[in-house]
């Protein structure tokens, strides 16, 4: 397998792991870098793994904990030697 194919497979596995751990604060946040920046679905910016961990824990204390989703990577574009953009579609599971 070529290096680029291995990188793409690793990204797809990361997305699958995030799906698997979407209700597990410790496992999910372990996937993030210390300096992660995320803008959530309602437009709130969360900066840093610790802040994200706190926000996720609070969210899982609400009815959001009962919503399961699946994220499917549709396209992965490598924009540099160690940088890729993954275009994903998220769907709610019933």
C-alpha atoms as a PDB file:
ATOM      1  CA  UNK A   1       0.000   0.000   0.000  1.00  0.00           C
ATOM      2  CA  UNK A   2       1.340   3.443  -0.906  1.00  0.00           C
ATOM      3  CA  UNK A   3       2.063   6.048   1.780  1.00  0.00           C
ATOM      4  CA  UNK A   4      -0.834   8.282   0.681  1.00  0.00           C
ATOM      5  CA  UNK A   5      -3.231   5.323   0.846  1.00  0.00           C
ATOM      6  CA  UNK A   6      -1.999   4.544   4.363  1.00  0.00           C
ATOM      7  CA  UNK A   7      -2.547   8.175   5.391  1.00  0.00           C
ATOM      8  CA  UNK A   8      -6.069   8.125   3.970  1.00  0.00           C
ATOM      9  CA  UNK A   9      -6.833   4.855   5.761  1.00  0.00           C
ATOM     10  CA  UNK A  10      -5.583   6.379   9.034  1.00  0.00           C
ATOM     11  CA  UNK A  11      -7.858   9.399   8.577  1.00  0.00           C
ATOM     12  CA  UNK A  12     -10.842   7.159   7.853  1.00  0.00           C
ATOM     13  CA  UNK A  13     -10.017   5.158  10.998  1.00  0.00           C
ATOM     14  CA  UNK A  14      -9.834   8.355  13.055  1.00  0.00           C
ATOM     15  CA  UNK A  15     -13.313   9.337  11.836  1.00  0.00           C
ATOM     16  CA  UNK A  16     -14.593   5.828  12.676  1.00  0.00           C
ATOM     17  CA  UNK A  17     -13.039   6.043  16.151  1.00  0.00           C
ATOM     18  CA  UNK A  18     -14.691   9.437  16.721  1.00  0.00           C
ATOM     19  CA  UNK A  19     -18.036   7.850  15.803  1.00  0.00           C
ATOM     20  CA  UNK A  20     -17.437   4.917  18.132  1.00  0.00           C
ATOM     21  CA  UNK A  21     -16.483   7.187  21.042  1.00  0.00           C
ATOM     22  CA  UNK A  22     -19.103   9.922  20.528  1.00  0.00           C
ATOM     23  CA  UNK A  23     -20.602   9.226  23.965  1.00  0.00           C
ATOM     24  CA  UNK A  24     -17.309   8.611  25.790  1.00  0.00           C
ATOM     25  CA  UNK A  25     -15.650  11.837  26.911  1.00  0.00           C
ATOM     26  CA  UNK A  26     -12.276  10.301  27.798  1.00  0.00           C
ATOM     27  CA  UNK A  27     -11.849   8.213  24.652  1.00  0.00           C
ATOM     28  CA  UNK A  28     -13.172  10.898  22.298  1.00  0.00           C
ATOM     29  CA  UNK A  29     -11.014  13.699  23.702  1.00  0.00           C
ATOM     30  CA  UNK A  30      -7.957  11.441  23.561  1.00  0.00           C
ATOM     31  CA  UNK A  31      -8.321  11.654  19.753  1.00  0.00           C
ATOM     32  CA  UNK A  32      -7.849  15.445  19.841  1.00  0.00           C
ATOM     33  CA  UNK A  33      -4.692  17.517  19.949  1.00  0.00           C
ATOM     34  CA  UNK A  34      -4.098  19.766  22.941  1.00  0.00           C
ATOM     35  CA  UNK A  35      -4.733  22.843  20.778  1.00  0.00           C
ATOM     36  CA  UNK A  36      -7.885  21.649  19.001  1.00  0.00           C
ATOM     37  CA  UNK A  37     -10.349  24.319  17.855  1.00  0.00           C
ATOM     38  CA  UNK A  38     -13.877  23.253  17.011  1.00  0.00           C
ATOM     39  CA  UNK A  39     -16.964  25.244  16.080  1.00  0.00           C
ATOM     40  CA  UNK A  40     -19.926  23.111  17.063  1.00  0.00           C
ATOM     41  CA  UNK A  41     -23.228  22.759  15.236  1.00  0.00           C
ATOM     42  CA  UNK A  42     -24.754  25.812  16.948  1.00  0.00           C
ATOM     43  CA  UNK A  43     -21.744  27.986  16.162  1.00  0.00           C
ATOM     44  CA  UNK A  44     -20.014  27.955  19.538  1.00  0.00           C
ATOM     45  CA  UNK A  45     -16.209  27.989  19.286  1.00  0.00           C
ATOM     46  CA  UNK A  46     -14.431  25.635  21.662  1.00  0.00           C
ATOM     47  CA  UNK A  47     -10.650  26.017  21.909  1.00  0.00           C
ATOM     48  CA  UNK A  48      -8.369  23.487  23.561  1.00  0.00           C
ATOM     49  CA  UNK A  49      -8.779  19.847  24.522  1.00  0.00           C
ATOM     50  CA  UNK A  50      -9.613  20.643  28.170  1.00  0.00           C
ATOM     51  CA  UNK A  51     -12.335  23.135  27.224  1.00  0.00           C
ATOM     52  CA  UNK A  52     -13.712  20.667  24.669  1.00  0.00           C
ATOM     53  CA  UNK A  53     -13.711  17.912  27.289  1.00  0.00           C
ATOM     54  CA  UNK A  54     -15.756  20.080  29.659  1.00  0.00           C
ATOM     55  CA  UNK A  55     -18.191  21.094  26.911  1.00  0.00           C
ATOM     56  CA  UNK A  56     -18.654  17.494  25.812  1.00  0.00           C
ATOM     57  CA  UNK A  57     -19.266  16.328  29.388  1.00  0.00           C
ATOM     58  CA  UNK A  58     -21.919  19.049  29.830  1.00  0.00           C
ATOM     59  CA  UNK A  59     -23.578  18.112  26.527  1.00  0.00           C
ATOM     60  CA  UNK A  60     -23.742  14.448  27.520  1.00  0.00           C
ATOM     61  CA  UNK A  61     -25.731  15.450  30.623  1.00  0.00           C
ATOM     62  CA  UNK A  62     -28.538  16.657  28.327  1.00  0.00           C
ATOM     63  CA  UNK A  63     -30.861  14.879  25.875  1.00  0.00           C
ATOM     64  CA  UNK A  64     -28.027  15.218  23.310  1.00  0.00           C
ATOM     65  CA  UNK A  65     -26.585  12.083  24.920  1.00  0.00           C
ATOM     66  CA  UNK A  66     -29.400  10.107  23.284  1.00  0.00           C
ATOM     67  CA  UNK A  67     -28.631  11.277  19.760  1.00  0.00           C
ATOM     68  CA  UNK A  68     -26.325   8.991  17.808  1.00  0.00           C
ATOM     69  CA  UNK A  69     -24.771  10.008  14.518  1.00  0.00           C
ATOM     70  CA  UNK A  70     -22.604   8.482  11.841  1.00  0.00           C
ATOM     71  CA  UNK A  71     -19.924  10.440  10.011  1.00  0.00           C
ATOM     72  CA  UNK A  72     -18.915   9.374   6.523  1.00  0.00           C
ATOM     73  CA  UNK A  73     -15.758  10.797   4.947  1.00  0.00           C
ATOM     74  CA  UNK A  74     -16.600  11.583   1.329  1.00  0.00           C
ATOM     75  CA  UNK A  75     -13.356  13.152   0.146  1.00  0.00           C
ATOM     76  CA  UNK A  76      -9.882  13.511   1.610  1.00  0.00           C
ATOM     77  CA  UNK A  77      -7.616  16.124   0.075  1.00  0.00           C
ATOM     78  CA  UNK A  78      -3.949  16.379   0.990  1.00  0.00           C
ATOM     79  CA  UNK A  79      -2.920  20.034   1.012  1.00  0.00           C
ATOM     80  CA  UNK A  80       0.591  19.564   2.374  1.00  0.00           C
ATOM     81  CA  UNK A  81       3.009  16.858   3.483  1.00  0.00           C
ATOM     82  CA  UNK A  82       1.357  16.598   6.901  1.00  0.00           C
ATOM     83  CA  UNK A  83      -2.006  18.281   6.328  1.00  0.00           C
ATOM     84  CA  UNK A  84      -5.261  16.911   4.947  1.00  0.00           C
ATOM     85  CA  UNK A  85      -8.816  18.178   4.692  1.00  0.00           C
ATOM     86  CA  UNK A  86     -11.532  15.599   5.182  1.00  0.00           C
ATOM     87  CA  UNK A  87     -14.951  16.462   3.783  1.00  0.00           C
ATOM     88  CA  UNK A  88     -17.498  14.471   5.766  1.00  0.00           C
ATOM     89  CA  UNK A  89     -21.263  14.083   5.914  1.00  0.00           C
ATOM     90  CA  UNK A  90     -22.928  13.397   9.226  1.00  0.00           C
ATOM     91  CA  UNK A  91     -26.233  11.555   9.534  1.00  0.00           C
ATOM     92  CA  UNK A  92     -28.400  10.932  12.553  1.00  0.00           C
ATOM     93  CA  UNK A  93     -28.961   7.267  13.349  1.00  0.00           C
ATOM     94  CA  UNK A  94     -32.419   6.205  14.399  1.00  0.00           C
END
